[in-house]
Amino acid sequence: AVVGAVPLQRDVPAVMRGEARLGADSVLHQSAAAVFFAAAIAHMALWMRLCVTAPPASPLSYRVGWRSALFKGACAVTSVFPLPAAFLLHPASPARRVLSLSEADAGGLQQYCLVLCVASFFASYSVELAGALDPAGEQRESKRD
């Protein structure tokens, strides 16, 4: 909620060029984003561990919903790759003094990739929720494969 409520300051390009100072709102925004992404990645890792260690008959087991587990695994793994660039190339990053605007644009794209991975992971819970509402349908699907 903090990330959405506290945007980056308006003159971020000027900050990157060294013409303005980094404001507390930008520091708060980036810090909240870092906490959110770290917690989201930890959540993904713990969920994947739960899927692997769940008993085979459990609806959480990757053996029951293997497509969902595979998709979640791909989201979890690919969310780690853009993380360093997303924070190092962020306009509010301390490394901003050595960046050009095009590099910051690359950092923004990395952030969008990270957000896409996290959002896709969370959206894929709909597969488990649908299976919880119709356990017989989930069993039929796993028997077909």
N, C-alpha and C. Protein backbone atom coordinates (compact mmCIF):
# COMPACT_ATOMS: atom_id res chain seq x y z
N ALA A 1 0.82 -1.18 0.00
CA ALA A 1 0.00 0.00 0.00
C ALA A 1 0.87 1.25 0.00
N VAL A 2 2.00 1.19 0.67
CA VAL A 2 2.88 2.36 0.74
C VAL A 2 3.39 2.72 -0.65
N VAL A 3 3.73 1.71 -1.46
CA VAL A 3 4.29 1.96 -2.78
C VAL A 3 3.29 2.71 -3.65
N GLY A 4 2.01 2.34 -3.55
CA GLY A 4 0.99 3.02 -4.33
C GLY A 4 0.62 4.38 -3.76
N ALA A 5 0.69 4.52 -2.46
CA ALA A 5 0.30 5.78 -1.82
C ALA A 5 1.40 6.83 -1.87
N VAL A 6 2.64 6.39 -1.90
CA VAL A 6 3.77 7.33 -1.90
C VAL A 6 4.56 7.14 -3.20
N PRO A 7 4.28 7.95 -4.21
CA PRO A 7 4.99 7.81 -5.48
C PRO A 7 6.41 8.39 -5.41
N LEU A 8 7.17 8.10 -6.43
CA LEU A 8 8.47 8.76 -6.55
C LEU A 8 8.25 10.26 -6.74
N GLN A 9 9.25 11.03 -6.37
CA GLN A 9 9.12 12.47 -6.52
C GLN A 9 9.03 12.84 -8.01
N ARG A 10 8.46 13.98 -8.29
CA ARG A 10 8.21 14.39 -9.68
C ARG A 10 9.50 14.65 -10.47
N ASP A 11 10.52 15.10 -9.80
CA ASP A 11 11.74 15.49 -10.52
C ASP A 11 12.81 14.39 -10.48
N VAL A 12 12.40 13.14 -10.60
CA VAL A 12 13.36 12.03 -10.57
C VAL A 12 14.41 12.15 -11.67
N PRO A 13 14.03 12.52 -12.92
CA PRO A 13 15.09 12.69 -13.93
C PRO A 13 16.13 13.73 -13.53
N ALA A 14 15.70 14.79 -12.85
CA ALA A 14 16.66 15.80 -12.37
C ALA A 14 17.55 15.22 -11.28
N VAL A 15 17.00 14.35 -10.45
CA VAL A 15 17.80 13.68 -9.42
C VAL A 15 18.87 12.83 -10.09
N MET A 16 18.48 12.14 -11.14
CA MET A 16 19.43 11.26 -11.84
C MET A 16 20.54 12.05 -12.51
N ARG A 17 20.22 13.27 -12.95
CA ARG A 17 21.25 14.10 -13.57
C ARG A 17 22.07 14.87 -12.54
N GLY A 18 21.71 14.75 -11.25
CA GLY A 18 22.43 15.45 -10.20
C GLY A 18 21.98 16.87 -10.01
N GLU A 19 20.83 17.23 -10.58
CA GLU A 19 20.33 18.61 -10.50
C GLU A 19 19.37 18.80 -9.32
N ALA A 20 18.96 17.73 -8.68
CA ALA A 20 18.05 17.81 -7.54
C ALA A 20 18.44 16.75 -6.52
N ARG A 21 17.94 16.92 -5.32
CA ARG A 21 18.25 15.96 -4.25
C ARG A 21 17.15 14.91 -4.17
N LEU A 22 17.53 13.72 -3.73
CA LEU A 22 16.58 12.64 -3.54
C LEU A 22 15.73 12.94 -2.31
N GLY A 23 14.41 12.89 -2.49
CA GLY A 23 13.50 13.21 -1.40
C GLY A 23 13.17 12.00 -0.54
N ALA A 24 12.66 12.28 0.64
CA ALA A 24 12.28 11.20 1.57
C ALA A 24 11.17 10.34 1.00
N ASP A 25 10.27 10.95 0.19
CA ASP A 25 9.19 10.16 -0.40
C ASP A 25 9.72 9.11 -1.36
N SER A 26 10.76 9.45 -2.12
CA SER A 26 11.35 8.48 -3.04
C SER A 26 12.08 7.36 -2.28
N VAL A 27 12.75 7.72 -1.21
CA VAL A 27 13.44 6.72 -0.39
C VAL A 27 12.41 5.78 0.24
N LEU A 28 11.31 6.34 0.76
CA LEU A 28 10.25 5.53 1.35
C LEU A 28 9.62 4.62 0.30
N HIS A 29 9.36 5.15 -0.90
CA HIS A 29 8.77 4.38 -1.99
C HIS A 29 9.66 3.18 -2.34
N GLN A 30 10.94 3.43 -2.55
CA GLN A 30 11.84 2.34 -2.93
C GLN A 30 12.04 1.35 -1.80
N SER A 31 12.10 1.81 -0.58
CA SER A 31 12.25 0.89 0.55
C SER A 31 11.03 0.00 0.70
N ALA A 32 9.84 0.58 0.55
CA ALA A 32 8.61 -0.23 0.63
C ALA A 32 8.55 -1.24 -0.52
N ALA A 33 8.98 -0.83 -1.70
CA ALA A 33 9.01 -1.75 -2.84
C ALA A 33 9.98 -2.90 -2.57
N ALA A 34 11.12 -2.60 -1.99
CA ALA A 34 12.10 -3.64 -1.68
C ALA A 34 11.53 -4.64 -0.68
N VAL A 35 10.85 -4.15 0.33
CA VAL A 35 10.23 -5.04 1.33
C VAL A 35 9.15 -5.89 0.66
N PHE A 36 8.31 -5.28 -0.18
CA PHE A 36 7.25 -6.02 -0.86
C PHE A 36 7.83 -7.12 -1.73
N PHE A 37 8.80 -6.79 -2.57
CA PHE A 37 9.36 -7.80 -3.48
C PHE A 37 10.10 -8.90 -2.72
N ALA A 38 10.81 -8.53 -1.66
CA ALA A 38 11.50 -9.55 -0.86
C ALA A 38 10.48 -10.49 -0.21
N ALA A 39 9.40 -9.93 0.32
CA ALA A 39 8.37 -10.76 0.95
C ALA A 39 7.66 -11.62 -0.09
N ALA A 40 7.40 -11.08 -1.27
CA ALA A 40 6.74 -11.84 -2.33
C ALA A 40 7.62 -13.01 -2.78
N ILE A 41 8.90 -12.77 -2.94
CA ILE A 41 9.80 -13.85 -3.37
C ILE A 41 9.94 -14.89 -2.27
N ALA A 42 10.00 -14.46 -1.01
CA ALA A 42 10.03 -15.42 0.10
C ALA A 42 8.75 -16.24 0.12
N HIS A 43 7.62 -15.61 -0.12
CA HIS A 43 6.34 -16.31 -0.18
C HIS A 43 6.36 -17.36 -1.30
N MET A 44 6.85 -16.97 -2.46
CA MET A 44 6.91 -17.92 -3.58
C MET A 44 7.80 -19.12 -3.24
N ALA A 45 8.94 -18.85 -2.64
CA ALA A 45 9.85 -19.94 -2.28
C ALA A 45 9.22 -20.88 -1.24
N LEU A 46 8.55 -20.30 -0.24
CA LEU A 46 7.92 -21.13 0.78
C LEU A 46 6.76 -21.93 0.20
N TRP A 47 5.99 -21.33 -0.71
CA TRP A 47 4.89 -22.07 -1.34
C TRP A 47 5.43 -23.23 -2.16
N MET A 48 6.51 -22.99 -2.91
CA MET A 48 7.08 -24.07 -3.71
C MET A 48 7.61 -25.19 -2.81
N ARG A 49 8.18 -24.83 -1.68
CA ARG A 49 8.65 -25.83 -0.73
C ARG A 49 7.47 -26.64 -0.19
N LEU A 50 6.37 -25.96 0.10
CA LEU A 50 5.17 -26.64 0.58
C LEU A 50 4.64 -27.61 -0.47
N CYS A 51 4.64 -27.20 -1.72
CA CYS A 51 4.16 -28.08 -2.80
C CYS A 51 5.02 -29.33 -2.94
N VAL A 52 6.31 -29.19 -2.74
CA VAL A 52 7.23 -30.32 -2.89
C VAL A 52 7.16 -31.25 -1.68
N THR A 53 6.94 -30.70 -0.49
CA THR A 53 6.95 -31.53 0.71
C THR A 53 5.57 -32.03 1.13
N ALA A 54 4.51 -31.58 0.45
CA ALA A 54 3.16 -32.02 0.80
C ALA A 54 2.99 -33.50 0.47
N PRO A 55 2.17 -34.21 1.24
CA PRO A 55 1.91 -35.62 0.92
C PRO A 55 1.33 -35.75 -0.49
N PRO A 56 1.62 -36.84 -1.19
CA PRO A 56 1.19 -36.99 -2.58
C PRO A 56 -0.31 -36.80 -2.82
N ALA A 57 -1.14 -37.16 -1.89
CA ALA A 57 -2.60 -37.04 -2.08
C ALA A 57 -3.13 -35.64 -1.74
N SER A 58 -2.30 -34.80 -1.16
CA SER A 58 -2.73 -33.46 -0.75
C SER A 58 -3.04 -32.60 -1.98
N PRO A 59 -4.08 -31.77 -1.90
CA PRO A 59 -4.35 -30.87 -3.03
C PRO A 59 -3.23 -29.85 -3.25
N LEU A 60 -2.35 -29.68 -2.26
CA LEU A 60 -1.22 -28.77 -2.41
C LEU A 60 -0.02 -29.42 -3.09
N SER A 61 -0.03 -30.73 -3.20
CA SER A 61 1.11 -31.43 -3.78
C SER A 61 1.26 -31.09 -5.25
N TYR A 62 2.50 -30.94 -5.68
CA TYR A 62 2.76 -30.66 -7.09
C TYR A 62 2.32 -31.84 -7.95
N ARG A 63 2.16 -33.00 -7.37
CA ARG A 63 1.75 -34.18 -8.15
C ARG A 63 0.27 -34.07 -8.57
N VAL A 64 -0.54 -33.41 -7.76
CA VAL A 64 -1.97 -33.25 -8.06
C VAL A 64 -2.16 -32.13 -9.08
N GLY A 65 -1.59 -30.97 -8.82
CA GLY A 65 -1.72 -29.83 -9.72
C GLY A 65 -0.39 -29.51 -10.37
N TRP A 66 0.13 -30.41 -11.15
CA TRP A 66 1.49 -30.25 -11.67
C TRP A 66 1.61 -29.06 -12.63
N ARG A 67 0.56 -28.75 -13.38
CA ARG A 67 0.64 -27.60 -14.29
C ARG A 67 0.79 -26.30 -13.50
N SER A 68 -0.02 -26.18 -12.47
CA SER A 68 0.05 -24.99 -11.63
C SER A 68 1.41 -24.90 -10.94
N ALA A 69 1.90 -26.02 -10.43
CA ALA A 69 3.20 -26.03 -9.76
C ALA A 69 4.32 -25.67 -10.73
N LEU A 70 4.23 -26.16 -11.96
CA LEU A 70 5.25 -25.84 -12.97
C LEU A 70 5.21 -24.35 -13.30
N PHE A 71 4.01 -23.81 -13.47
CA PHE A 71 3.86 -22.38 -13.76
C PHE A 71 4.39 -21.54 -12.61
N LYS A 72 4.03 -21.92 -11.37
CA LYS A 72 4.50 -21.18 -10.21
C LYS A 72 6.03 -21.27 -10.09
N GLY A 73 6.58 -22.44 -10.37
CA GLY A 73 8.03 -22.58 -10.34
C GLY A 73 8.71 -21.67 -11.34
N ALA A 74 8.14 -21.59 -12.55
CA ALA A 74 8.71 -20.70 -13.57
C ALA A 74 8.62 -19.24 -13.13
N CYS A 75 7.49 -18.85 -12.55
CA CYS A 75 7.35 -17.48 -12.05
C CYS A 75 8.35 -17.18 -10.94
N ALA A 76 8.51 -18.13 -10.02
CA ALA A 76 9.43 -17.93 -8.90
C ALA A 76 10.87 -17.79 -9.38
N VAL A 77 11.26 -18.65 -10.30
CA VAL A 77 12.65 -18.60 -10.79
C VAL A 77 12.90 -17.34 -11.60
N THR A 78 11.97 -17.01 -12.51
CA THR A 78 12.20 -15.83 -13.35
C THR A 78 12.07 -14.53 -12.58
N SER A 79 11.44 -14.54 -11.41
CA SER A 79 11.34 -13.30 -10.63
C SER A 79 12.68 -12.92 -10.01
N VAL A 80 13.57 -13.85 -9.87
CA VAL A 80 14.87 -13.56 -9.26
C VAL A 80 15.80 -12.85 -10.24
N PHE A 81 15.70 -13.16 -11.52
CA PHE A 81 16.64 -12.61 -12.51
C PHE A 81 16.59 -11.09 -12.64
N PRO A 82 15.41 -10.46 -12.72
CA PRO A 82 15.41 -9.00 -12.88
C PRO A 82 15.64 -8.23 -11.59
N LEU A 83 15.69 -8.91 -10.46
CA LEU A 83 15.75 -8.23 -9.17
C LEU A 83 16.97 -7.30 -9.02
N PRO A 84 18.19 -7.76 -9.28
CA PRO A 84 19.33 -6.84 -9.09
C PRO A 84 19.24 -5.60 -9.97
N ALA A 85 18.92 -5.79 -11.24
CA ALA A 85 18.85 -4.64 -12.14
C ALA A 85 17.69 -3.72 -11.77
N ALA A 86 16.58 -4.30 -11.32
CA ALA A 86 15.41 -3.48 -10.97
C ALA A 86 15.74 -2.51 -9.84
N PHE A 87 16.57 -2.93 -8.90
CA PHE A 87 16.90 -2.04 -7.80
C PHE A 87 18.13 -1.19 -8.07
N LEU A 88 19.11 -1.74 -8.76
CA LEU A 88 20.30 -0.94 -9.06
C LEU A 88 20.02 0.15 -10.08
N LEU A 89 19.14 -0.13 -11.05
CA LEU A 89 18.84 0.84 -12.08
C LEU A 89 17.64 1.72 -11.75
N HIS A 90 17.08 1.56 -10.57
CA HIS A 90 15.91 2.35 -10.16
C HIS A 90 16.33 3.81 -9.99
N PRO A 91 15.47 4.75 -10.42
CA PRO A 91 15.84 6.18 -10.29
C PRO A 91 16.17 6.61 -8.87
N ALA A 92 15.60 5.97 -7.87
CA ALA A 92 15.88 6.37 -6.49
C ALA A 92 17.06 5.60 -5.89
N SER A 93 17.71 4.78 -6.69
CA SER A 93 18.83 3.98 -6.20
C SER A 93 20.05 4.87 -5.93
N PRO A 94 20.85 4.50 -4.93
CA PRO A 94 22.10 5.25 -4.70
C PRO A 94 23.05 5.19 -5.90
N ALA A 95 22.89 4.21 -6.76
CA ALA A 95 23.75 4.09 -7.95
C ALA A 95 23.31 5.06 -9.06
N ARG A 96 22.32 5.90 -8.79
CA ARG A 96 21.74 6.77 -9.82
C ARG A 96 22.75 7.76 -10.39
N ARG A 97 23.77 8.10 -9.64
CA ARG A 97 24.72 9.12 -10.09
C ARG A 97 25.51 8.68 -11.33
N VAL A 98 25.64 7.36 -11.52
CA VAL A 98 26.42 6.87 -12.65
C VAL A 98 25.52 6.37 -13.79
N LEU A 99 24.22 6.59 -13.69
CA LEU A 99 23.28 6.08 -14.69
C LEU A 99 22.87 7.15 -15.68
N SER A 100 22.56 6.71 -16.88
CA SER A 100 21.93 7.62 -17.84
C SER A 100 20.44 7.32 -17.84
N LEU A 101 19.64 8.15 -18.46
CA LEU A 101 18.20 7.95 -18.47
C LEU A 101 17.82 6.64 -19.16
N SER A 102 18.55 6.26 -20.20
CA SER A 102 18.20 5.02 -20.90
C SER A 102 18.44 3.80 -19.99
N GLU A 103 19.46 3.85 -19.17
CA GLU A 103 19.69 2.75 -18.23
C GLU A 103 18.57 2.70 -17.19
N ALA A 104 18.07 3.86 -16.78
CA ALA A 104 16.96 3.88 -15.84
C ALA A 104 15.71 3.32 -16.49
N ASP A 105 15.52 3.58 -17.77
CA ASP A 105 14.39 2.97 -18.48
C ASP A 105 14.52 1.46 -18.47
N ALA A 106 15.72 0.95 -18.63
CA ALA A 106 15.95 -0.50 -18.56
C ALA A 106 15.60 -1.01 -17.17
N GLY A 107 15.92 -0.24 -16.15
CA GLY A 107 15.56 -0.62 -14.79
C GLY A 107 14.06 -0.68 -14.60
N GLY A 108 13.34 0.27 -15.21
CA GLY A 108 11.88 0.26 -15.14
C GLY A 108 11.31 -0.97 -15.82
N LEU A 109 11.88 -1.35 -16.95
CA LEU A 109 11.42 -2.56 -17.63
C LEU A 109 11.68 -3.79 -16.79
N GLN A 110 12.81 -3.82 -16.11
CA GLN A 110 13.12 -4.94 -15.21
C GLN A 110 12.08 -5.00 -14.09
N GLN A 111 11.70 -3.84 -13.58
CA GLN A 111 10.68 -3.81 -12.52
C GLN A 111 9.35 -4.34 -13.04
N TYR A 112 8.98 -3.95 -14.25
CA TYR A 112 7.72 -4.46 -14.82
C TYR A 112 7.77 -5.97 -14.97
N CYS A 113 8.92 -6.51 -15.38
CA CYS A 113 9.06 -7.97 -15.49
C CYS A 113 8.88 -8.62 -14.12
N LEU A 114 9.47 -8.04 -13.11
CA LEU A 114 9.35 -8.57 -11.75
C LEU A 114 7.91 -8.52 -11.27
N VAL A 115 7.23 -7.40 -11.51
CA VAL A 115 5.82 -7.27 -11.12
C VAL A 115 4.99 -8.31 -11.87
N LEU A 116 5.26 -8.53 -13.15
CA LEU A 116 4.53 -9.52 -13.93
C LEU A 116 4.71 -10.93 -13.34
N CYS A 117 5.93 -11.28 -12.96
CA CYS A 117 6.18 -12.59 -12.36
C CYS A 117 5.42 -12.77 -11.05
N VAL A 118 5.48 -11.75 -10.19
CA VAL A 118 4.82 -11.83 -8.89
C VAL A 118 3.30 -11.90 -9.07
N ALA A 119 2.76 -11.03 -9.93
CA ALA A 119 1.31 -11.00 -10.15
C ALA A 119 0.84 -12.31 -10.78
N SER A 120 1.61 -12.86 -11.71
CA SER A 120 1.23 -14.12 -12.34
C SER A 120 1.23 -15.26 -11.33
N PHE A 121 2.23 -15.27 -10.46
CA PHE A 121 2.29 -16.30 -9.42
C PHE A 121 1.05 -16.24 -8.55
N PHE A 122 0.72 -15.04 -8.07
CA PHE A 122 -0.44 -14.91 -7.19
C PHE A 122 -1.74 -15.21 -7.93
N ALA A 123 -1.84 -14.80 -9.18
CA ALA A 123 -3.06 -15.07 -9.96
C ALA A 123 -3.25 -16.56 -10.20
N SER A 124 -2.15 -17.31 -10.25
CA SER A 124 -2.26 -18.75 -10.51
C SER A 124 -2.87 -19.52 -9.34
N TYR A 125 -3.05 -18.85 -8.20
CA TYR A 125 -3.75 -19.51 -7.09
C TYR A 125 -5.18 -19.87 -7.48
N SER A 126 -5.70 -19.24 -8.51
CA SER A 126 -7.07 -19.54 -8.95
C SER A 126 -7.21 -21.01 -9.34
N VAL A 127 -6.12 -21.63 -9.81
CA VAL A 127 -6.15 -23.06 -10.16
C VAL A 127 -6.42 -23.90 -8.91
N GLU A 128 -5.70 -23.62 -7.83
CA GLU A 128 -5.92 -24.35 -6.58
C GLU A 128 -7.29 -24.06 -5.99
N LEU A 129 -7.72 -22.80 -6.09
CA LEU A 129 -9.04 -22.45 -5.56
C LEU A 129 -10.14 -23.16 -6.34
N ALA A 130 -10.01 -23.25 -7.65
CA ALA A 130 -10.99 -23.97 -8.46
C ALA A 130 -10.98 -25.45 -8.10
N GLY A 131 -9.81 -26.01 -7.85
CA GLY A 131 -9.71 -27.41 -7.44
C GLY A 131 -10.31 -27.65 -6.08
N ALA A 132 -10.19 -26.67 -5.18
CA ALA A 132 -10.78 -26.81 -3.85
C ALA A 132 -12.30 -26.77 -3.93
N LEU A 133 -12.83 -26.01 -4.88
CA LEU A 133 -14.28 -25.93 -5.04
C LEU A 133 -14.84 -27.14 -5.78
N ASP A 134 -14.01 -27.79 -6.62
CA ASP A 134 -14.45 -28.95 -7.40
C ASP A 134 -13.36 -30.02 -7.33
N PRO A 135 -13.18 -30.67 -6.17
CA PRO A 135 -12.10 -31.66 -6.03
C PRO A 135 -12.23 -32.81 -7.02
N ALA A 136 -13.43 -33.21 -7.38
CA ALA A 136 -13.59 -34.32 -8.33
C ALA A 136 -13.08 -33.91 -9.70
N GLY A 137 -13.29 -32.66 -10.11
CA GLY A 137 -12.79 -32.20 -11.40
C GLY A 137 -11.27 -32.20 -11.45
N GLU A 138 -10.63 -31.82 -10.35
CA GLU A 138 -9.17 -31.84 -10.27
C GLU A 138 -8.66 -33.28 -10.40
N GLN A 139 -9.32 -34.20 -9.75
CA GLN A 139 -8.91 -35.60 -9.84
C GLN A 139 -9.08 -36.12 -11.27
N ARG A 140 -10.18 -35.73 -11.94
CA ARG A 140 -10.40 -36.17 -13.33
C ARG A 140 -9.28 -35.66 -14.21
N GLU A 141 -8.87 -34.39 -14.01
CA GLU A 141 -7.82 -33.81 -14.84
C GLU A 141 -6.50 -34.52 -14.63
N SER A 142 -6.14 -34.82 -13.36
CA SER A 142 -4.86 -35.46 -13.09
C SER A 142 -4.84 -36.89 -13.62
N LYS A 143 -5.99 -37.55 -13.69
CA LYS A 143 -6.04 -38.92 -14.22
C LYS A 143 -5.91 -38.92 -15.74
N ARG A 144 -6.35 -37.85 -16.42
CA ARG A 144 -6.22 -37.77 -17.87
C ARG A 144 -4.77 -37.65 -18.29
N ASP A 145 -3.95 -36.98 -17.48
CA ASP A 145 -2.55 -36.75 -17.85
C ASP A 145 -1.76 -37.94 -17.51
